[in-house]
Protein backbone atom coordinates (compact mmCIF):
# COMPACT_ATOMS: atom_id res chain seq x y z
CA MET A 1 101.65 85.49 102.67
CA SER A 2 102.45 86.42 99.02
CA LEU A 3 101.88 89.83 97.98
CA THR A 4 99.26 89.62 95.06
CA ASN A 5 96.64 91.99 93.66
CA GLU A 6 93.92 90.53 95.61
CA ASN A 7 95.77 90.81 98.83
CA ILE A 8 96.55 94.72 98.06
CA GLN A 9 93.00 95.33 96.96
CA LYS A 10 91.29 93.90 100.32
CA ALA A 11 93.79 95.64 102.61
CA LEU A 12 93.02 98.91 100.74
CA ILE A 13 89.04 98.62 100.60
CA GLY A 14 89.40 97.30 104.30
CA ASN A 15 91.32 100.52 105.52
CA PHE A 16 89.88 102.99 102.90
CA GLY A 17 86.69 101.84 101.92
CA MET A 18 85.25 104.04 99.08
CA LYS A 19 88.10 106.26 99.02
CA VAL A 20 89.78 103.69 96.91
CA SER A 21 88.25 102.29 93.56
CA GLU A 22 88.51 101.03 89.99
CA PHE A 23 90.78 98.16 90.64
CA HIS A 24 91.97 96.65 87.29
CA GLN A 25 95.11 95.20 86.25
CA SER A 26 96.94 96.85 83.36
CA HIS A 27 100.21 95.20 81.89
CA ASP A 28 100.73 93.04 85.06
CA ILE A 29 100.58 96.34 87.31
CA LEU A 30 97.42 96.31 89.71
CA THR A 31 95.93 100.10 89.00
CA LEU A 32 93.52 101.77 91.19
CA GLU A 33 91.99 105.36 91.70
CA VAL A 34 92.12 107.01 94.94
CA GLN A 35 90.32 110.21 96.16
CA ALA A 36 92.76 113.31 96.19
CA ASP A 37 91.75 113.76 99.78
CA ALA A 38 92.79 110.37 100.86
CA LEU A 39 95.88 110.15 98.53
CA TYR A 40 98.80 110.87 101.21
CA GLU A 41 97.21 108.30 103.74
CA VAL A 42 96.83 105.79 101.21
CA ILE A 43 100.24 105.85 100.11
CA ARG A 44 101.66 106.18 103.52
CA PHE A 45 99.65 102.79 104.09
CA LEU A 46 101.47 101.32 101.15
CA LYS A 47 104.76 102.29 102.29
CA GLU A 48 104.76 101.63 105.97
CA ASP A 49 102.53 98.74 106.27
CA THR A 50 104.72 95.88 106.64
CA ALA A 51 102.52 93.55 104.52
CA MET A 52 102.40 95.91 101.80
CA ASN A 53 106.18 97.54 101.99
CA PHE A 54 106.12 99.56 98.76
CA ASN A 55 109.62 101.03 99.73
CA PHE A 56 110.25 102.71 96.40
CA LEU A 57 108.72 105.61 94.53
CA THR A 58 109.22 104.84 90.68
CA ASP A 59 107.62 107.73 89.27
CA VAL A 60 104.98 110.74 89.54
CA CYS A 61 103.53 112.48 86.79
CA GLY A 62 100.73 114.58 85.58
CA VAL A 63 98.15 114.03 82.79
CA HIS A 64 95.77 116.52 81.53
CA TYR A 65 92.27 115.54 80.18
CA PRO A 66 90.81 118.60 78.89
CA ASP A 67 87.48 116.78 77.48
CA TYR A 68 86.78 115.00 80.78
CA GLU A 69 84.19 116.49 83.47
CA GLU A 70 85.62 119.60 85.36
CA SER A 71 86.29 117.36 88.44
CA ARG A 72 88.40 115.17 86.82
CA GLN A 73 90.45 117.09 84.03
CA PHE A 74 93.72 116.70 85.73
CA ALA A 75 95.31 113.51 87.12
CA VAL A 76 98.39 112.72 88.96
CA VAL A 77 99.79 109.04 88.36
CA TYR A 78 102.12 107.49 90.99
CA HIS A 79 104.05 104.23 90.46
CA LEU A 80 105.19 102.36 93.38
CA HIS A 81 107.32 99.28 93.89
CA ASN A 82 107.69 96.66 96.50
CA TRP A 83 111.48 95.67 95.71
CA PHE A 84 111.37 92.58 98.36
CA GLU A 85 108.60 90.95 96.47
CA ASN A 86 109.17 92.72 93.13
CA VAL A 87 105.36 93.83 92.95
CA ARG A 88 104.31 97.14 91.42
CA ILE A 89 101.24 99.29 91.61
CA ARG A 90 99.79 102.53 89.95
CA ILE A 91 97.70 104.94 91.63
CA LYS A 92 95.75 107.73 89.72
CA THR A 93 93.88 110.40 91.41
CA TYR A 94 91.83 112.93 89.55
CA LEU A 95 91.72 116.61 90.35
CA LYS A 96 89.53 119.76 89.57
CA ALA A 97 90.39 121.87 86.46
CA SER A 98 89.65 125.02 88.67
CA GLN A 99 91.91 123.63 91.59
CA PRO A 100 94.28 121.12 90.51
CA GLU A 101 96.06 120.14 93.97
CA VAL A 102 96.95 117.25 96.09
CA ASP A 103 98.81 116.82 99.16
CA SER A 104 102.87 116.26 98.58
CA ILE A 105 104.29 112.94 99.39
CA VAL A 106 108.04 114.52 99.85
CA THR A 107 107.62 113.47 103.62
CA LEU A 108 107.24 109.94 102.43
CA TYR A 109 109.51 109.72 99.58
CA PRO A 110 112.18 112.40 99.27
CA GLY A 111 112.74 111.35 95.63
CA ALA A 112 109.35 112.85 95.03
CA ASN A 113 110.59 116.50 95.31
CA TRP A 114 112.00 116.73 91.79
CA GLN A 115 109.11 114.54 90.31
CA GLU A 116 106.39 116.87 92.03
CA ARG A 117 108.14 119.95 90.88
CA GLU A 118 108.21 118.78 87.26
CA THR A 119 104.69 117.92 87.41
CA TYR A 120 103.95 121.54 88.66
CA ASP A 121 106.30 122.97 86.23
CA PHE A 122 104.36 121.31 83.11
CA TYR A 123 100.88 121.17 84.38
CA GLY A 124 100.32 123.75 87.17
CA ILE A 125 99.23 120.98 89.69
CA GLN A 126 99.80 122.30 93.22
CA PHE A 127 101.53 119.93 95.81
CA LYS A 128 100.29 121.25 99.32
CA GLY A 129 102.96 121.06 101.59
CA HIS A 130 105.92 120.75 99.22
CA PRO A 131 108.94 122.02 100.55
CA GLN A 132 110.11 124.18 97.49
CA LEU A 133 107.32 124.13 94.72
CA LYS A 134 108.65 126.08 91.96
CA ARG A 135 109.71 125.56 88.31
CA ILE A 136 112.61 123.14 87.77
CA LEU A 137 112.89 123.03 83.76
CA ASN A 138 110.93 125.99 82.38
CA MET A 139 111.85 129.93 83.14
CA ASP A 140 110.35 131.11 86.32
CA GLU A 141 108.73 134.08 84.43
CA MET A 142 106.73 131.56 82.46
CA GLN A 143 102.92 132.21 82.79
CA SER A 144 101.56 128.91 81.09
CA PHE A 145 102.11 125.14 81.84
CA PRO A 146 103.40 123.65 78.63
CA LEU A 147 101.89 120.19 78.73
CA ARG A 148 98.38 121.35 79.25
CA LYS A 149 96.46 120.84 76.21
CA GLU A 150 95.16 124.14 75.99
CA PHE A 151 97.04 125.29 72.97
CA PRO A 152 96.90 124.04 69.27
CA LEU A 153 100.15 121.76 68.62
CA GLU A 154 101.31 123.65 65.53
CA ASP A 155 101.11 127.24 64.45
CA GLN A 156 98.58 127.54 61.93
CA GLY A 157 99.82 130.56 60.20
CA ARG A 158 103.00 129.06 59.32
CA THR A 159 104.14 129.48 55.63
CA ASP A 160 107.68 127.66 55.90
CA LYS A 161 106.32 124.06 55.63
CA ASP A 162 104.55 122.00 53.07
CA ASP A 163 101.90 119.64 54.66
CA ARG A 164 102.39 117.11 51.67
CA PHE A 165 105.65 115.92 53.27
CA PHE A 166 103.83 115.09 56.54
CA GLY A 167 101.07 113.15 55.16
CA ARG A 168 98.33 115.93 55.75
CA THR A 169 96.78 116.81 52.18
CA GLY A 170 93.34 117.24 51.10
CA PRO A 171 90.45 119.39 52.13
CA ASN A 172 90.04 118.16 55.58
CA CYS A 173 93.66 118.69 56.57
């Protein structure tokens, strides 16, 4: 049996029901949403099931959506790859702004260690069960998470630049 997006979707719905949803194809990659409390089990199934066999974790990254409702302001996105059939999949899980945390997948994919640390470092997303969740690129003393969209991109008090050179002129700029 060939591993198709339809087969993946049927297997996931058959095993996890409503904990997986929002299936669609984006740039030839099956994308789906998984409830945070089921994420570890879904990814374990995708890795260990002989029909799925997603043996490689390509990426883990965070996203901040400050304009979304409180329960969906943060997302963690996982990209998995089945090397044998050259099939890729994207998994998104949304997290509460007040408690952005999800289970670590380091026990499934040891390469997730640094990727989860980087996501924590830049977004403050907690990975429960991570063996050493601490900052990886920023200073340990840093109090904020620099990729959260909580701060203006520019210092409005700067006087050493001329907005005309950046295409920003006029009364609304």
